[in-house]
Amino acid sequence: MYDIPAIYANDIGLLHLNESIVLNERTQIASLSTEHPPAGSTVILNGWGAPELNWPSVERLQTINLTVYDHAECKRAWDDTDSVDIGHLCTFNKRGEGVCNGDSGGPLMWEGKVVGLVNWGAPCAVGKPDMHANTIYYMDWIRRQIAGCNQRVN
């Protein structure tokens, strides 16, 4: 769906696999949320990103609790840029806590369901909010793309 690279809009994609994924204790389906987490909510990010800028990616999956940031405040923090649009979910804790190189595409979870995918930010946790593709915003597009597939969303 990526069609406007200058402003990071629609940075989301789906894969159509030729074979089914074998589910087990380590491989499970991640359901998409149908509700927006309100500002101030705690969300969980998992990623393989570097702990700091210019460091190598990690060998163990990292997890961090982040706070959903108000969209208007987020836009102001990014100097009202058009890059912060309604298709984004914004998180921010404090300087030193957030996404880094290698985390892109990673799931942002709320109440056990995916609400976002890491999109962009100022690497790495330098004091600006991090941006995630808001999966709820893209739900209609996702459903249209998977129409007729064996696996349904939710």
N, C-alpha and C. Protein backbone atom coordinates (compact mmCIF):
# COMPACT_ATOMS: atom_id res chain seq x y z
N MET A 1 0.82 -1.19 0.00
CA MET A 1 0.00 0.00 0.00
C MET A 1 0.87 1.26 0.00
N TYR A 2 2.16 1.10 0.00
CA TYR A 2 3.10 2.22 0.08
C TYR A 2 3.06 3.02 -1.21
N ASP A 3 2.57 4.27 -1.15
CA ASP A 3 2.48 5.04 -2.39
C ASP A 3 2.92 6.49 -2.27
N ILE A 4 3.30 6.94 -1.08
CA ILE A 4 3.72 8.33 -0.92
C ILE A 4 5.00 8.33 -0.07
N PRO A 5 6.14 7.96 -0.65
CA PRO A 5 7.35 7.79 0.15
C PRO A 5 7.84 9.04 0.85
N ALA A 6 7.52 10.21 0.37
CA ALA A 6 8.04 11.43 0.97
C ALA A 6 7.45 11.70 2.35
N ILE A 7 6.27 11.15 2.65
CA ILE A 7 5.66 11.43 3.95
C ILE A 7 5.33 10.18 4.76
N TYR A 8 5.89 9.05 4.40
CA TYR A 8 5.74 7.82 5.18
C TYR A 8 4.30 7.35 5.33
N ALA A 9 3.43 7.69 4.42
CA ALA A 9 2.04 7.24 4.49
C ALA A 9 1.93 5.85 3.87
N ASN A 10 1.00 5.07 4.38
CA ASN A 10 0.67 3.76 3.81
C ASN A 10 1.85 2.80 3.79
N ASP A 11 2.71 2.86 4.78
CA ASP A 11 3.88 1.99 4.85
C ASP A 11 3.50 0.68 5.54
N ILE A 12 2.76 -0.15 4.81
CA ILE A 12 2.26 -1.41 5.35
C ILE A 12 2.13 -2.39 4.19
N GLY A 13 2.33 -3.65 4.47
CA GLY A 13 2.22 -4.65 3.41
C GLY A 13 1.75 -5.98 3.97
N LEU A 14 1.33 -6.85 3.08
CA LEU A 14 0.90 -8.20 3.44
C LEU A 14 1.63 -9.20 2.57
N LEU A 15 1.83 -10.39 3.08
CA LEU A 15 2.44 -11.48 2.32
C LEU A 15 1.40 -12.56 2.06
N HIS A 16 1.39 -13.10 0.86
CA HIS A 16 0.56 -14.26 0.54
C HIS A 16 1.50 -15.45 0.46
N LEU A 17 1.32 -16.39 1.37
CA LEU A 17 2.20 -17.55 1.44
C LEU A 17 1.62 -18.71 0.65
N ASN A 18 2.47 -19.46 -0.01
CA ASN A 18 2.03 -20.64 -0.77
C ASN A 18 1.74 -21.84 0.13
N GLU A 19 2.32 -21.83 1.32
CA GLU A 19 2.13 -22.94 2.25
C GLU A 19 1.63 -22.40 3.58
N SER A 20 0.89 -23.23 4.29
CA SER A 20 0.41 -22.86 5.62
C SER A 20 1.57 -22.83 6.60
N ILE A 21 1.46 -21.98 7.57
CA ILE A 21 2.45 -21.92 8.65
C ILE A 21 2.06 -22.96 9.69
N VAL A 22 3.04 -23.72 10.14
CA VAL A 22 2.79 -24.72 11.18
C VAL A 22 2.80 -24.01 12.52
N LEU A 23 1.67 -24.07 13.22
CA LEU A 23 1.56 -23.42 14.52
C LEU A 23 2.05 -24.36 15.61
N ASN A 24 2.76 -23.78 16.58
CA ASN A 24 3.24 -24.54 17.74
C ASN A 24 3.39 -23.58 18.90
N GLU A 25 4.07 -24.00 19.97
CA GLU A 25 4.19 -23.13 21.15
C GLU A 25 5.00 -21.87 20.87
N ARG A 26 5.81 -21.85 19.83
CA ARG A 26 6.62 -20.67 19.52
C ARG A 26 6.11 -19.88 18.32
N THR A 27 5.21 -20.46 17.57
CA THR A 27 4.66 -19.81 16.38
C THR A 27 3.14 -19.79 16.50
N GLN A 28 2.60 -18.60 16.68
CA GLN A 28 1.16 -18.45 16.88
C GLN A 28 0.64 -17.31 16.02
N ILE A 29 -0.66 -17.30 15.83
CA ILE A 29 -1.31 -16.21 15.09
C ILE A 29 -1.45 -15.01 16.02
N ALA A 30 -1.10 -13.85 15.53
CA ALA A 30 -1.28 -12.60 16.27
C ALA A 30 -2.53 -11.92 15.74
N SER A 31 -3.55 -11.84 16.56
CA SER A 31 -4.81 -11.22 16.15
C SER A 31 -4.66 -9.71 16.07
N LEU A 32 -5.40 -9.11 15.15
CA LEU A 32 -5.42 -7.66 15.03
C LEU A 32 -6.53 -7.10 15.92
N SER A 33 -6.23 -6.04 16.62
CA SER A 33 -7.22 -5.40 17.48
C SER A 33 -8.25 -4.67 16.63
N THR A 34 -9.44 -4.57 17.14
CA THR A 34 -10.49 -3.79 16.48
C THR A 34 -10.77 -2.51 17.26
N GLU A 35 -9.99 -2.26 18.31
CA GLU A 35 -10.16 -1.06 19.12
C GLU A 35 -8.86 -0.27 19.16
N HIS A 36 -9.00 1.05 19.21
CA HIS A 36 -7.84 1.93 19.33
C HIS A 36 -7.42 2.03 20.79
N PRO A 37 -6.13 1.89 21.08
CA PRO A 37 -5.69 2.14 22.45
C PRO A 37 -5.73 3.64 22.72
N PRO A 38 -6.35 4.06 23.81
CA PRO A 38 -6.40 5.49 24.09
C PRO A 38 -5.03 6.05 24.49
N ALA A 39 -4.86 7.34 24.31
CA ALA A 39 -3.62 8.00 24.73
C ALA A 39 -3.40 7.69 26.20
N GLY A 40 -2.16 7.41 26.54
CA GLY A 40 -1.81 7.05 27.91
C GLY A 40 -1.79 5.55 28.16
N SER A 41 -2.31 4.77 27.22
CA SER A 41 -2.32 3.31 27.36
C SER A 41 -0.90 2.76 27.25
N THR A 42 -0.67 1.66 27.94
CA THR A 42 0.60 0.95 27.82
C THR A 42 0.48 -0.09 26.73
N VAL A 43 1.43 -0.07 25.80
CA VAL A 43 1.50 -1.04 24.71
C VAL A 43 2.86 -1.74 24.80
N ILE A 44 2.96 -2.89 24.16
CA ILE A 44 4.20 -3.67 24.22
C ILE A 44 4.78 -3.78 22.82
N LEU A 45 6.06 -3.47 22.71
CA LEU A 45 6.77 -3.59 21.44
C LEU A 45 7.81 -4.70 21.56
N ASN A 46 7.83 -5.58 20.58
CA ASN A 46 8.86 -6.61 20.47
C ASN A 46 9.68 -6.31 19.24
N GLY A 47 11.00 -6.46 19.35
CA GLY A 47 11.83 -6.18 18.18
C GLY A 47 13.23 -6.72 18.31
N TRP A 48 13.89 -6.77 17.16
CA TRP A 48 15.26 -7.26 17.06
C TRP A 48 16.23 -6.10 16.84
N GLY A 49 15.77 -4.88 17.10
CA GLY A 49 16.58 -3.71 16.83
C GLY A 49 17.77 -3.54 17.76
N ALA A 50 18.68 -2.70 17.32
CA ALA A 50 19.88 -2.39 18.09
C ALA A 50 19.51 -1.65 19.37
N PRO A 51 20.27 -1.84 20.44
CA PRO A 51 19.99 -1.10 21.67
C PRO A 51 20.33 0.38 21.57
N GLU A 52 21.23 0.73 20.67
CA GLU A 52 21.59 2.13 20.45
C GLU A 52 21.99 2.31 18.99
N LEU A 53 21.97 3.56 18.55
CA LEU A 53 22.35 3.89 17.18
C LEU A 53 23.76 3.38 16.89
N ASN A 54 23.95 2.82 15.72
CA ASN A 54 25.24 2.30 15.24
C ASN A 54 25.72 1.06 15.98
N TRP A 55 24.84 0.43 16.73
CA TRP A 55 25.16 -0.86 17.36
C TRP A 55 24.57 -1.95 16.50
N PRO A 56 25.10 -3.18 16.60
CA PRO A 56 24.50 -4.28 15.84
C PRO A 56 23.15 -4.69 16.43
N SER A 57 22.35 -5.35 15.62
CA SER A 57 21.08 -5.88 16.12
C SER A 57 21.35 -6.93 17.18
N VAL A 58 20.36 -7.21 17.98
CA VAL A 58 20.50 -8.14 19.10
C VAL A 58 20.24 -9.58 18.65
N GLU A 59 20.68 -10.52 19.46
CA GLU A 59 20.45 -11.93 19.18
C GLU A 59 19.23 -12.47 19.91
N ARG A 60 18.73 -11.73 20.87
CA ARG A 60 17.52 -12.13 21.61
C ARG A 60 16.45 -11.08 21.38
N LEU A 61 15.23 -11.55 21.20
CA LEU A 61 14.11 -10.65 21.00
C LEU A 61 13.97 -9.72 22.20
N GLN A 62 13.86 -8.43 21.92
CA GLN A 62 13.73 -7.42 22.97
C GLN A 62 12.26 -7.04 23.14
N THR A 63 11.89 -6.67 24.35
CA THR A 63 10.52 -6.24 24.66
C THR A 63 10.60 -4.97 25.49
N ILE A 64 9.72 -4.01 25.17
CA ILE A 64 9.65 -2.78 25.95
C ILE A 64 8.19 -2.34 26.06
N ASN A 65 7.82 -1.84 27.22
CA ASN A 65 6.51 -1.22 27.40
C ASN A 65 6.63 0.23 26.97
N LEU A 66 5.71 0.67 26.13
CA LEU A 66 5.68 2.05 25.66
C LEU A 66 4.33 2.66 25.97
N THR A 67 4.24 3.96 25.91
CA THR A 67 3.00 4.67 26.18
C THR A 67 2.46 5.28 24.89
N VAL A 68 1.16 5.06 24.63
CA VAL A 68 0.52 5.68 23.47
C VAL A 68 0.46 7.18 23.72
N TYR A 69 0.92 7.93 22.75
CA TYR A 69 1.03 9.38 22.84
C TYR A 69 -0.12 10.01 22.08
N ASP A 70 -0.66 11.09 22.62
CA ASP A 70 -1.75 11.80 21.96
C ASP A 70 -1.33 12.23 20.55
N HIS A 71 -2.22 12.01 19.59
CA HIS A 71 -1.88 12.26 18.18
C HIS A 71 -1.54 13.73 17.92
N ALA A 72 -2.31 14.65 18.48
CA ALA A 72 -2.04 16.08 18.28
C ALA A 72 -0.70 16.47 18.89
N GLU A 73 -0.40 15.95 20.09
CA GLU A 73 0.89 16.23 20.73
C GLU A 73 2.03 15.64 19.91
N CYS A 74 1.79 14.47 19.36
CA CYS A 74 2.80 13.81 18.54
C CYS A 74 3.12 14.66 17.30
N LYS A 75 2.08 15.14 16.66
CA LYS A 75 2.26 15.96 15.46
C LYS A 75 3.06 17.22 15.81
N ARG A 76 2.74 17.83 16.96
CA ARG A 76 3.49 19.02 17.40
C ARG A 76 4.95 18.67 17.69
N ALA A 77 5.19 17.51 18.29
CA ALA A 77 6.56 17.10 18.60
C ALA A 77 7.40 16.94 17.33
N TRP A 78 6.72 16.63 16.23
CA TRP A 78 7.38 16.50 14.93
C TRP A 78 7.18 17.77 14.09
N ASP A 79 6.98 18.90 14.75
CA ASP A 79 6.85 20.21 14.09
C ASP A 79 5.73 20.25 13.06
N ASP A 80 4.60 19.59 13.41
CA ASP A 80 3.40 19.59 12.56
C ASP A 80 3.65 19.10 11.15
N THR A 81 4.58 18.19 11.00
CA THR A 81 4.87 17.64 9.67
C THR A 81 3.71 16.80 9.15
N ASP A 82 3.56 16.77 7.84
CA ASP A 82 2.54 15.92 7.22
C ASP A 82 2.90 14.44 7.34
N SER A 83 4.12 14.14 7.75
CA SER A 83 4.53 12.74 7.91
C SER A 83 3.78 12.04 9.03
N VAL A 84 3.26 12.82 9.98
CA VAL A 84 2.43 12.25 11.05
C VAL A 84 0.99 12.38 10.57
N ASP A 85 0.42 11.26 10.09
CA ASP A 85 -0.94 11.33 9.57
C ASP A 85 -1.87 10.40 10.34
N ILE A 86 -3.13 10.35 9.93
CA ILE A 86 -4.12 9.58 10.68
C ILE A 86 -3.88 8.08 10.60
N GLY A 87 -3.03 7.63 9.72
CA GLY A 87 -2.69 6.22 9.63
C GLY A 87 -1.59 5.80 10.59
N HIS A 88 -1.17 6.72 11.46
CA HIS A 88 -0.10 6.42 12.40
C HIS A 88 -0.61 6.35 13.84
N LEU A 89 0.04 5.51 14.60
CA LEU A 89 -0.13 5.44 16.05
C LEU A 89 1.22 5.85 16.62
N CYS A 90 1.19 6.68 17.62
CA CYS A 90 2.40 7.30 18.14
C CYS A 90 2.69 6.80 19.56
N THR A 91 3.95 6.48 19.84
CA THR A 91 4.34 6.10 21.20
C THR A 91 5.53 6.94 21.65
N PHE A 92 5.58 7.15 22.96
CA PHE A 92 6.71 7.90 23.52
C PHE A 92 6.78 7.64 25.01
N ASN A 93 7.95 7.34 25.51
CA ASN A 93 8.20 7.24 26.94
C ASN A 93 9.09 8.39 27.37
N LYS A 94 10.37 8.23 27.07
CA LYS A 94 11.37 9.25 27.38
C LYS A 94 12.60 8.97 26.54
N ARG A 95 13.49 9.92 26.53
CA ARG A 95 14.75 9.74 25.80
C ARG A 95 15.42 8.46 26.29
N GLY A 96 15.90 7.65 25.35
CA GLY A 96 16.57 6.40 25.71
C GLY A 96 15.66 5.19 25.70
N GLU A 97 14.35 5.39 25.50
CA GLU A 97 13.40 4.28 25.45
C GLU A 97 12.56 4.40 24.19
N GLY A 98 12.69 3.43 23.29
CA GLY A 98 11.90 3.45 22.07
C GLY A 98 12.48 2.55 21.01
N VAL A 99 12.07 2.77 19.77
CA VAL A 99 12.50 1.91 18.67
C VAL A 99 13.88 2.32 18.16
N CYS A 100 14.53 1.36 17.48
CA CYS A 100 15.85 1.63 16.91
C CYS A 100 15.98 0.84 15.61
N ASN A 101 17.10 1.01 14.94
CA ASN A 101 17.35 0.32 13.68
C ASN A 101 17.19 -1.19 13.87
N GLY A 102 16.40 -1.80 13.00
CA GLY A 102 16.15 -3.23 13.09
C GLY A 102 14.78 -3.56 13.66
N ASP A 103 14.10 -2.58 14.25
CA ASP A 103 12.77 -2.80 14.82
C ASP A 103 11.65 -2.63 13.79
N SER A 104 11.95 -2.05 12.65
CA SER A 104 10.91 -1.75 11.65
C SER A 104 10.08 -2.98 11.31
N GLY A 105 8.78 -2.77 11.27
CA GLY A 105 7.84 -3.85 10.95
C GLY A 105 7.43 -4.67 12.15
N GLY A 106 8.08 -4.45 13.29
CA GLY A 106 7.76 -5.21 14.50
C GLY A 106 6.39 -4.87 15.05
N PRO A 107 5.78 -5.82 15.76
CA PRO A 107 4.42 -5.63 16.26
C PRO A 107 4.34 -4.77 17.52
N LEU A 108 3.35 -3.91 17.54
CA LEU A 108 3.00 -3.13 18.72
C LEU A 108 1.71 -3.74 19.25
N MET A 109 1.73 -4.26 20.48
CA MET A 109 0.62 -5.02 21.04
C MET A 109 -0.09 -4.24 22.15
N TRP A 110 -1.40 -4.38 22.18
CA TRP A 110 -2.22 -3.80 23.25
C TRP A 110 -3.28 -4.83 23.62
N GLU A 111 -3.34 -5.15 24.88
CA GLU A 111 -4.29 -6.14 25.38
C GLU A 111 -4.21 -7.44 24.59
N GLY A 112 -2.98 -7.84 24.24
CA GLY A 112 -2.75 -9.11 23.57
C GLY A 112 -3.02 -9.14 22.07
N LYS A 113 -3.30 -7.98 21.48
CA LYS A 113 -3.58 -7.92 20.05
C LYS A 113 -2.72 -6.85 19.38
N VAL A 114 -2.46 -7.03 18.09
CA VAL A 114 -1.64 -6.09 17.33
C VAL A 114 -2.44 -4.82 17.04
N VAL A 115 -1.86 -3.66 17.38
CA VAL A 115 -2.48 -2.37 17.06
C VAL A 115 -1.60 -1.54 16.12
N GLY A 116 -0.35 -1.97 15.95
CA GLY A 116 0.53 -1.20 15.09
C GLY A 116 1.75 -2.00 14.67
N LEU A 117 2.44 -1.45 13.67
CA LEU A 117 3.70 -2.01 13.16
C LEU A 117 4.71 -0.87 13.11
N VAL A 118 5.90 -1.10 13.62
CA VAL A 118 6.91 -0.04 13.66
C VAL A 118 7.14 0.52 12.26
N ASN A 119 7.03 1.84 12.15
CA ASN A 119 7.21 2.54 10.87
C ASN A 119 8.49 3.36 10.85
N TRP A 120 8.50 4.45 11.60
CA TRP A 120 9.63 5.36 11.51
C TRP A 120 9.75 6.18 12.79
N GLY A 121 10.84 6.88 12.89
CA GLY A 121 11.08 7.75 14.03
C GLY A 121 12.45 8.37 13.87
N ALA A 122 12.94 8.94 14.95
CA ALA A 122 14.29 9.50 14.96
C ALA A 122 15.16 8.49 15.70
N PRO A 123 15.99 7.74 14.97
CA PRO A 123 16.73 6.67 15.64
C PRO A 123 17.78 7.27 16.56
N CYS A 124 17.98 6.73 17.62
CA CYS A 124 17.27 5.67 18.32
C CYS A 124 16.84 6.23 19.67
N ALA A 125 15.57 6.44 19.85
CA ALA A 125 15.02 6.92 21.13
C ALA A 125 15.72 8.19 21.59
N VAL A 126 15.80 9.18 20.69
CA VAL A 126 16.52 10.41 21.01
C VAL A 126 15.62 11.50 21.61
N GLY A 127 14.40 11.14 21.96
CA GLY A 127 13.53 12.12 22.60
C GLY A 127 12.35 12.55 21.76
N LYS A 128 12.14 11.91 20.63
CA LYS A 128 10.97 12.19 19.78
C LYS A 128 10.07 10.96 19.77
N PRO A 129 8.77 11.16 19.57
CA PRO A 129 7.86 10.01 19.50
C PRO A 129 8.19 9.09 18.32
N ASP A 130 7.89 7.81 18.51
CA ASP A 130 8.05 6.81 17.46
C ASP A 130 6.72 6.61 16.75
N MET A 131 6.79 6.34 15.45
CA MET A 131 5.59 6.20 14.63
C MET A 131 5.38 4.74 14.22
N HIS A 132 4.12 4.33 14.27
CA HIS A 132 3.74 2.96 13.92
C HIS A 132 2.57 3.03 12.95
N ALA A 133 2.54 2.10 11.98
CA ALA A 133 1.36 1.99 11.11
C ALA A 133 0.22 1.51 12.00
N ASN A 134 -0.87 2.25 12.02
CA ASN A 134 -2.03 1.93 12.84
C ASN A 134 -2.85 0.86 12.12
N THR A 135 -2.76 -0.39 12.58
CA THR A 135 -3.42 -1.49 11.87
C THR A 135 -4.94 -1.34 11.84
N ILE A 136 -5.51 -0.65 12.80
CA ILE A 136 -6.96 -0.43 12.79
C ILE A 136 -7.34 0.49 11.64
N TYR A 137 -6.54 1.50 11.40
CA TYR A 137 -6.78 2.41 10.28
C TYR A 137 -6.77 1.66 8.95
N TYR A 138 -5.92 0.65 8.84
CA TYR A 138 -5.78 -0.10 7.59
C TYR A 138 -6.64 -1.37 7.53
N MET A 139 -7.50 -1.58 8.52
CA MET A 139 -8.27 -2.83 8.59
C MET A 139 -9.12 -3.08 7.34
N ASP A 140 -9.81 -2.08 6.83
CA ASP A 140 -10.62 -2.28 5.62
C ASP A 140 -9.73 -2.70 4.45
N TRP A 141 -8.58 -2.06 4.30
CA TRP A 141 -7.65 -2.43 3.23
C TRP A 141 -7.16 -3.87 3.42
N ILE A 142 -6.82 -4.23 4.64
CA ILE A 142 -6.36 -5.59 4.93
C ILE A 142 -7.44 -6.60 4.55
N ARG A 143 -8.66 -6.34 4.96
CA ARG A 143 -9.76 -7.28 4.65
C ARG A 143 -9.99 -7.41 3.14
N ARG A 144 -9.89 -6.31 2.42
CA ARG A 144 -10.04 -6.38 0.95
C ARG A 144 -8.94 -7.22 0.33
N GLN A 145 -7.73 -7.08 0.84
CA GLN A 145 -6.59 -7.81 0.27
C GLN A 145 -6.68 -9.31 0.53
N ILE A 146 -7.21 -9.69 1.68
CA ILE A 146 -7.23 -11.12 2.01
C ILE A 146 -8.56 -11.78 1.67
N ALA A 147 -9.46 -11.04 1.07
CA ALA A 147 -10.75 -11.64 0.68
C ALA A 147 -10.49 -12.88 -0.17
N GLY A 148 -11.10 -13.98 0.20
CA GLY A 148 -10.93 -15.23 -0.54
C GLY A 148 -9.80 -16.10 -0.04
N CYS A 149 -8.97 -15.58 0.86
CA CYS A 149 -7.90 -16.41 1.43
C CYS A 149 -8.49 -17.35 2.48
N ASN A 150 -7.76 -18.39 2.83
CA ASN A 150 -8.24 -19.35 3.82
C ASN A 150 -8.27 -18.79 5.23
N GLN A 151 -7.33 -17.92 5.58
CA GLN A 151 -7.26 -17.37 6.93
C GLN A 151 -7.94 -16.02 6.98
N ARG A 152 -8.81 -15.82 7.95
CA ARG A 152 -9.53 -14.57 8.10
C ARG A 152 -8.89 -13.72 9.18
N VAL A 153 -9.10 -12.41 9.10
CA VAL A 153 -8.66 -11.50 10.15
C VAL A 153 -9.74 -11.49 11.21
N ASN A 154 -9.33 -11.77 12.46
CA ASN A 154 -10.26 -11.83 13.61
C ASN A 154 -11.37 -12.79 13.29
